[in-house]
Amino acid sequence: MLKLRNAMQEYENDRWRIISSKVGSGFSPTACRDKAAELEVEAEEAEESYTQTRTAGSSSDPAAPFQ
């Protein structure tokens, strides 16, 4: 179990090292990981907002918002 955990951590570190080298411009692996987490939260919030808007505005009459 410990070997698996270590391998997963090593993979995660390598993953962000590779991503940061592709991004370039001096972004560290940690900075890329943190920014990716921010973007994920923003995407989830946008999706949640979109879902709430669609649900709140739903009506059986498709023309209702245009009346």
PDB file of N, CA and C in Angstrom:
ATOM      1  N   MET A   1       0.820  -1.188   0.000  1.00  0.00           N
ATOM      2  CA  MET A   1       0.000   0.000   0.000  1.00  0.00           C
ATOM      3  C   MET A   1       0.867   1.257   0.000  1.00  0.00           C
ATOM      4  N   LEU A   2       1.965   1.231   0.740  1.00  0.00           N
ATOM      5  CA  LEU A   2       2.863   2.375   0.816  1.00  0.00           C
ATOM      6  C   LEU A   2       3.514   2.648  -0.536  1.00  0.00           C
ATOM      7  N   LYS A   3       3.876   1.581  -1.254  1.00  0.00           N
ATOM      8  CA  LYS A   3       4.488   1.747  -2.574  1.00  0.00           C
ATOM      9  C   LYS A   3       3.509   2.409  -3.542  1.00  0.00           C
ATOM     10  N   LEU A   4       2.254   2.010  -3.470  1.00  0.00           N
ATOM     11  CA  LEU A   4       1.234   2.610  -4.325  1.00  0.00           C
ATOM     12  C   LEU A   4       1.086   4.091  -4.017  1.00  0.00           C
ATOM     13  N   ARG A   5       0.999   4.433  -2.741  1.00  0.00           N
ATOM     14  CA  ARG A   5       0.876   5.837  -2.338  1.00  0.00           C
ATOM     15  C   ARG A   5       2.073   6.662  -2.813  1.00  0.00           C
ATOM     16  N   ASN A   6       3.264   6.114  -2.653  1.00  0.00           N
ATOM     17  CA  ASN A   6       4.469   6.806  -3.104  1.00  0.00           C
ATOM     18  C   ASN A   6       4.476   6.985  -4.619  1.00  0.00           C
ATOM     19  N   ALA A   7       4.080   5.957  -5.339  1.00  0.00           N
ATOM     20  CA  ALA A   7       4.031   6.039  -6.805  1.00  0.00           C
ATOM     21  C   ALA A   7       3.019   7.077  -7.255  1.00  0.00           C
ATOM     22  N   MET A   8       1.878   7.141  -6.591  1.00  0.00           N
ATOM     23  CA  MET A   8       0.862   8.128  -6.939  1.00  0.00           C
ATOM     24  C   MET A   8       1.364   9.543  -6.688  1.00  0.00           C
ATOM     25  N   GLN A   9       2.065   9.746  -5.585  1.00  0.00           N
ATOM     26  CA  GLN A   9       2.604  11.067  -5.269  1.00  0.00           C
ATOM     27  C   GLN A   9       3.685  11.456  -6.282  1.00  0.00           C
ATOM     28  N   GLU A  10       4.519  10.505  -6.642  1.00  0.00           N
ATOM     29  CA  GLU A  10       5.563  10.763  -7.635  1.00  0.00           C
ATOM     30  C   GLU A  10       4.937  11.127  -8.985  1.00  0.00           C
ATOM     31  N   TYR A  11       3.903  10.404  -9.360  1.00  0.00           N
ATOM     32  CA  TYR A  11       3.194  10.706 -10.612  1.00  0.00           C
ATOM     33  C   TYR A  11       2.608  12.113 -10.571  1.00  0.00           C
ATOM     34  N   GLU A  12       1.992  12.470  -9.464  1.00  0.00           N
ATOM     35  CA  GLU A  12       1.377  13.793  -9.321  1.00  0.00           C
ATOM     36  C   GLU A  12       2.436  14.890  -9.453  1.00  0.00           C
ATOM     37  N   ASN A  13       3.588  14.701  -8.819  1.00  0.00           N
ATOM     38  CA  ASN A  13       4.673  15.677  -8.918  1.00  0.00           C
ATOM     39  C   ASN A  13       5.182  15.790 -10.356  1.00  0.00           C
ATOM     40  N   ASP A  14       5.367  14.644 -11.012  1.00  0.00           N
ATOM     41  CA  ASP A  14       5.838  14.644 -12.408  1.00  0.00           C
ATOM     42  C   ASP A  14       4.818  15.299 -13.329  1.00  0.00           C
ATOM     43  N   ARG A  15       3.569  15.041 -13.067  1.00  0.00           N
ATOM     44  CA  ARG A  15       2.491  15.604 -13.885  1.00  0.00           C
ATOM     45  C   ARG A  15       2.568  17.130 -13.909  1.00  0.00           C
ATOM     46  N   TRP A  16       2.691  17.755 -12.742  1.00  0.00           N
ATOM     47  CA  TRP A  16       2.731  19.214 -12.677  1.00  0.00           C
ATOM     48  C   TRP A  16       4.057  19.773 -13.183  1.00  0.00           C
ATOM     49  N   ARG A  17       5.134  19.006 -13.050  1.00  0.00           N
ATOM     50  CA  ARG A  17       6.420  19.428 -13.607  1.00  0.00           C
ATOM     51  C   ARG A  17       6.327  19.490 -15.127  1.00  0.00           C
ATOM     52  N   ILE A  18       5.710  18.492 -15.734  1.00  0.00           N
ATOM     53  CA  ILE A  18       5.543  18.455 -17.191  1.00  0.00           C
ATOM     54  C   ILE A  18       4.628  19.585 -17.649  1.00  0.00           C
ATOM     55  N   ILE A  19       3.526  19.780 -16.948  1.00  0.00           N
ATOM     56  CA  ILE A  19       2.589  20.847 -17.307  1.00  0.00           C
ATOM     57  C   ILE A  19       3.278  22.204 -17.225  1.00  0.00           C
ATOM     58  N   SER A  20       4.046  22.447 -16.165  1.00  0.00           N
ATOM     59  CA  SER A  20       4.705  23.743 -16.033  1.00  0.00           C
ATOM     60  C   SER A  20       5.727  23.962 -17.134  1.00  0.00           C
ATOM     61  N   SER A  21       6.387  22.901 -17.599  1.00  0.00           N
ATOM     62  CA  SER A  21       7.346  23.063 -18.691  1.00  0.00           C
ATOM     63  C   SER A  21       6.627  23.392 -19.998  1.00  0.00           C
ATOM     64  N   LYS A  22       5.419  22.889 -20.176  1.00  0.00           N
ATOM     65  CA  LYS A  22       4.641  23.204 -21.380  1.00  0.00           C
ATOM     66  C   LYS A  22       4.066  24.617 -21.332  1.00  0.00           C
ATOM     67  N   VAL A  23       3.693  25.082 -20.142  1.00  0.00           N
ATOM     68  CA  VAL A  23       3.163  26.429 -19.981  1.00  0.00           C
ATOM     69  C   VAL A  23       4.279  27.449 -20.180  1.00  0.00           C
ATOM     70  N   GLY A  24       5.441  27.151 -19.629  1.00  0.00           N
ATOM     71  CA  GLY A  24       6.585  28.039 -19.775  1.00  0.00           C
ATOM     72  C   GLY A  24       6.428  29.313 -18.969  1.00  0.00           C
ATOM     73  N   SER A  25       7.105  30.357 -19.382  1.00  0.00           N
ATOM     74  CA  SER A  25       7.035  31.681 -18.755  1.00  0.00           C
ATOM     75  C   SER A  25       7.344  31.662 -17.259  1.00  0.00           C
ATOM     76  N   GLY A  26       8.131  30.692 -16.803  1.00  0.00           N
ATOM     77  CA  GLY A  26       8.563  30.686 -15.411  1.00  0.00           C
ATOM     78  C   GLY A  26       7.534  30.249 -14.397  1.00  0.00           C
ATOM     79  N   PHE A  27       6.457  29.609 -14.807  1.00  0.00           N
ATOM     80  CA  PHE A  27       5.465  29.125 -13.849  1.00  0.00           C
ATOM     81  C   PHE A  27       5.958  27.821 -13.236  1.00  0.00           C
ATOM     82  N   SER A  28       5.969  27.773 -11.921  1.00  0.00           N
ATOM     83  CA  SER A  28       6.426  26.571 -11.219  1.00  0.00           C
ATOM     84  C   SER A  28       5.347  25.497 -11.254  1.00  0.00           C
ATOM     85  N   PRO A  29       5.747  24.251 -11.004  1.00  0.00           N
ATOM     86  CA  PRO A  29       4.736  23.188 -10.904  1.00  0.00           C
ATOM     87  C   PRO A  29       3.663  23.498  -9.856  1.00  0.00           C
ATOM     88  N   THR A  30       4.079  24.074  -8.730  1.00  0.00           N
ATOM     89  CA  THR A  30       3.125  24.417  -7.668  1.00  0.00           C
ATOM     90  C   THR A  30       2.166  25.503  -8.128  1.00  0.00           C
ATOM     91  N   ALA A  31       2.693  26.519  -8.826  1.00  0.00           N
ATOM     92  CA  ALA A  31       1.834  27.599  -9.321  1.00  0.00           C
ATOM     93  C   ALA A  31       0.819  27.059 -10.321  1.00  0.00           C
ATOM     94  N   CYS A  32       1.248  26.143 -11.185  1.00  0.00           N
ATOM     95  CA  CYS A  32       0.324  25.554 -12.167  1.00  0.00           C
ATOM     96  C   CYS A  32      -0.759  24.732 -11.467  1.00  0.00           C
ATOM     97  N   ARG A  33      -0.357  23.951 -10.475  1.00  0.00           N
ATOM     98  CA  ARG A  33      -1.330  23.130  -9.738  1.00  0.00           C
ATOM     99  C   ARG A  33      -2.352  24.017  -9.032  1.00  0.00           C
ATOM    100  N   ASP A  34      -1.866  25.092  -8.400  1.00  0.00           N
ATOM    101  CA  ASP A  34      -2.767  25.994  -7.680  1.00  0.00           C
ATOM    102  C   ASP A  34      -3.721  26.707  -8.636  1.00  0.00           C
ATOM    103  N   LYS A  35      -3.214  27.155  -9.773  1.00  0.00           N
ATOM    104  CA  LYS A  35      -4.063  27.844 -10.748  1.00  0.00           C
ATOM    105  C   LYS A  35      -5.102  26.883 -11.324  1.00  0.00           C
ATOM    106  N   ALA A  36      -4.705  25.651 -11.573  1.00  0.00           N
ATOM    107  CA  ALA A  36      -5.653  24.653 -12.076  1.00  0.00           C
ATOM    108  C   ALA A  36      -6.771  24.423 -11.067  1.00  0.00           C
ATOM    109  N   ALA A  37      -6.437  24.400  -9.791  1.00  0.00           N
ATOM    110  CA  ALA A  37      -7.456  24.237  -8.750  1.00  0.00           C
ATOM    111  C   ALA A  37      -8.402  25.428  -8.739  1.00  0.00           C
ATOM    112  N   GLU A  38      -7.861  26.651  -8.899  1.00  0.00           N
ATOM    113  CA  GLU A  38      -8.707  27.853  -8.980  1.00  0.00           C
ATOM    114  C   GLU A  38      -9.660  27.772 -10.165  1.00  0.00           C
ATOM    115  N   LEU A  39      -9.131  27.376 -11.314  1.00  0.00           N
ATOM    116  CA  LEU A  39      -9.961  27.288 -12.516  1.00  0.00           C
ATOM    117  C   LEU A  39     -11.065  26.254 -12.353  1.00  0.00           C
ATOM    118  N   GLU A  40     -10.749  25.166 -11.684  1.00  0.00           N
ATOM    119  CA  GLU A  40     -11.749  24.120 -11.450  1.00  0.00           C
ATOM    120  C   GLU A  40     -12.883  24.646 -10.568  1.00  0.00           C
ATOM    121  N   VAL A  41     -12.537  25.381  -9.523  1.00  0.00           N
ATOM    122  CA  VAL A  41     -13.548  25.960  -8.635  1.00  0.00           C
ATOM    123  C   VAL A  41     -14.411  26.953  -9.414  1.00  0.00           C
ATOM    124  N   GLU A  42     -13.773  27.809 -10.231  1.00  0.00           N
ATOM    125  CA  GLU A  42     -14.526  28.780 -11.034  1.00  0.00           C
ATOM    126  C   GLU A  42     -15.475  28.081 -11.996  1.00  0.00           C
ATOM    127  N   ALA A  43     -15.021  27.002 -12.613  1.00  0.00           N
ATOM    128  CA  ALA A  43     -15.865  26.261 -13.552  1.00  0.00           C
ATOM    129  C   ALA A  43     -17.051  25.629 -12.833  1.00  0.00           C
ATOM    130  N   GLU A  44     -16.807  25.081 -11.651  1.00  0.00           N
ATOM    131  CA  GLU A  44     -17.898  24.474 -10.874  1.00  0.00           C
ATOM    132  C   GLU A  44     -18.911  25.529 -10.453  1.00  0.00           C
ATOM    133  N   GLU A  45     -18.419  26.705 -10.039  1.00  0.00           N
ATOM    134  CA  GLU A  45     -19.326  27.781  -9.629  1.00  0.00           C
ATOM    135  C   GLU A  45     -20.142  28.278 -10.817  1.00  0.00           C
ATOM    136  N   ALA A  46     -19.518  28.399 -11.971  1.00  0.00           N
ATOM    137  CA  ALA A  46     -20.229  28.851 -13.164  1.00  0.00           C
ATOM    138  C   ALA A  46     -21.296  27.835 -13.565  1.00  0.00           C
ATOM    139  N   GLU A  47     -20.955  26.559 -13.490  1.00  0.00           N
ATOM    140  CA  GLU A  47     -21.919  25.514 -13.834  1.00  0.00           C
ATOM    141  C   GLU A  47     -23.089  25.523 -12.858  1.00  0.00           C
ATOM    142  N   GLU A  48     -22.778  25.688 -11.576  1.00  0.00           N
ATOM    143  CA  GLU A  48     -23.830  25.737 -10.553  1.00  0.00           C
ATOM    144  C   GLU A  48     -24.743  26.935 -10.787  1.00  0.00           C
ATOM    145  N   SER A  49     -24.156  28.076 -11.089  1.00  0.00           N
ATOM    146  CA  SER A  49     -24.926  29.285 -11.348  1.00  0.00           C
ATOM    147  C   SER A  49     -25.819  29.094 -12.575  1.00  0.00           C
ATOM    148  N   TYR A  50     -25.265  28.496 -13.615  1.00  0.00           N
ATOM    149  CA  TYR A  50     -26.030  28.243 -14.837  1.00  0.00           C
ATOM    150  C   TYR A  50     -27.199  27.310 -14.542  1.00  0.00           C
ATOM    151  N   THR A  51     -26.948  26.263 -13.778  1.00  0.00           N
ATOM    152  CA  THR A  51     -27.998  25.304 -13.437  1.00  0.00           C
ATOM    153  C   THR A  51     -29.098  25.973 -12.613  1.00  0.00           C
ATOM    154  N   GLN A  52     -28.706  26.805 -11.649  1.00  0.00           N
ATOM    155  CA  GLN A  52     -29.701  27.491 -10.828  1.00  0.00           C
ATOM    156  C   GLN A  52     -30.524  28.462 -11.658  1.00  0.00           C
ATOM    157  N   THR A  53     -29.892  29.159 -12.581  1.00  0.00           N
ATOM    158  CA  THR A  53     -30.591  30.103 -13.447  1.00  0.00           C
ATOM    159  C   THR A  53     -31.583  29.371 -14.337  1.00  0.00           C
ATOM    160  N   ARG A  54     -31.158  28.260 -14.917  1.00  0.00           N
ATOM    161  CA  ARG A  54     -32.039  27.494 -15.792  1.00  0.00           C
ATOM    162  C   ARG A  54     -33.206  26.914 -15.010  1.00  0.00           C
ATOM    163  N   THR A  55     -32.971  26.448 -13.804  1.00  0.00           N
ATOM    164  CA  THR A  55     -34.026  25.850 -12.994  1.00  0.00           C
ATOM    165  C   THR A  55     -35.002  26.917 -12.510  1.00  0.00           C
ATOM    166  N   ALA A  56     -34.490  28.055 -12.078  1.00  0.00           N
ATOM    167  CA  ALA A  56     -35.353  29.125 -11.560  1.00  0.00           C
ATOM    168  C   ALA A  56     -36.211  29.730 -12.656  1.00  0.00           C
ATOM    169  N   GLY A  57     -35.683  29.764 -13.868  1.00  0.00           N
ATOM    170  CA  GLY A  57     -36.427  30.392 -14.956  1.00  0.00           C
ATOM    171  C   GLY A  57     -37.250  29.428 -15.778  1.00  0.00           C
ATOM    172  N   SER A  58     -37.310  28.181 -15.374  1.00  0.00           N
ATOM    173  CA  SER A  58     -38.021  27.204 -16.192  1.00  0.00           C
ATOM    174  C   SER A  58     -39.525  27.418 -16.097  1.00  0.00           C
ATOM    175  N   SER A  59     -40.170  27.133 -17.168  1.00  0.00           N
ATOM    176  CA  SER A  59     -41.623  27.289 -17.241  1.00  0.00           C
ATOM    177  C   SER A  59     -42.140  26.277 -18.257  1.00  0.00           C
ATOM    178  N   SER A  60     -43.400  25.946 -18.168  1.00  0.00           N
ATOM    179  CA  SER A  60     -43.953  25.030 -19.152  1.00  0.00           C
ATOM    180  C   SER A  60     -44.168  25.741 -20.480  1.00  0.00           C
ATOM    181  N   ASP A  61     -44.188  27.075 -20.453  1.00  0.00           N
ATOM    182  CA  ASP A  61     -44.381  27.864 -21.668  1.00  0.00           C
ATOM    183  C   ASP A  61     -43.030  28.383 -22.157  1.00  0.00           C
ATOM    184  N   PRO A  62     -42.508  27.836 -23.281  1.00  0.00           N
ATOM    185  CA  PRO A  62     -41.193  28.247 -23.763  1.00  0.00           C
ATOM    186  C   PRO A  62     -41.133  29.742 -24.136  1.00  0.00           C
ATOM    187  N   ALA A  63     -42.241  30.372 -24.400  1.00  0.00           N
ATOM    188  CA  ALA A  63     -42.249  31.774 -24.775  1.00  0.00           C
ATOM    189  C   ALA A  63     -42.399  32.692 -23.568  1.00  0.00           C
ATOM    190  N   ALA A  64     -42.558  32.145 -22.377  1.00  0.00           N
ATOM    191  CA  ALA A  64     -42.807  32.938 -21.182  1.00  0.00           C
ATOM    192  C   ALA A  64     -41.774  34.058 -20.964  1.00  0.00           C
ATOM    193  N   PRO A  65     -40.464  33.824 -21.123  1.00  0.00           N
ATOM    194  CA  PRO A  65     -39.510  34.911 -20.872  1.00  0.00           C
ATOM    195  C   PRO A  65     -39.646  36.057 -21.863  1.00  0.00           C
ATOM    196  N   PHE A  66     -40.305  35.849 -22.991  1.00  0.00           N
ATOM    197  CA  PHE A  66     -40.406  36.864 -24.032  1.00  0.00           C
ATOM    198  C   PHE A  66     -41.733  37.615 -24.015  1.00  0.00           C
ATOM    199  N   GLN A  67     -42.576  37.327 -23.046  1.00  0.00           N
ATOM    200  CA  GLN A  67     -43.882  37.972 -23.008  1.00  0.00           C
ATOM    201  C   GLN A  67     -43.817  39.338 -22.379  1.00  0.00           C
TER     202      GLN A  67
END
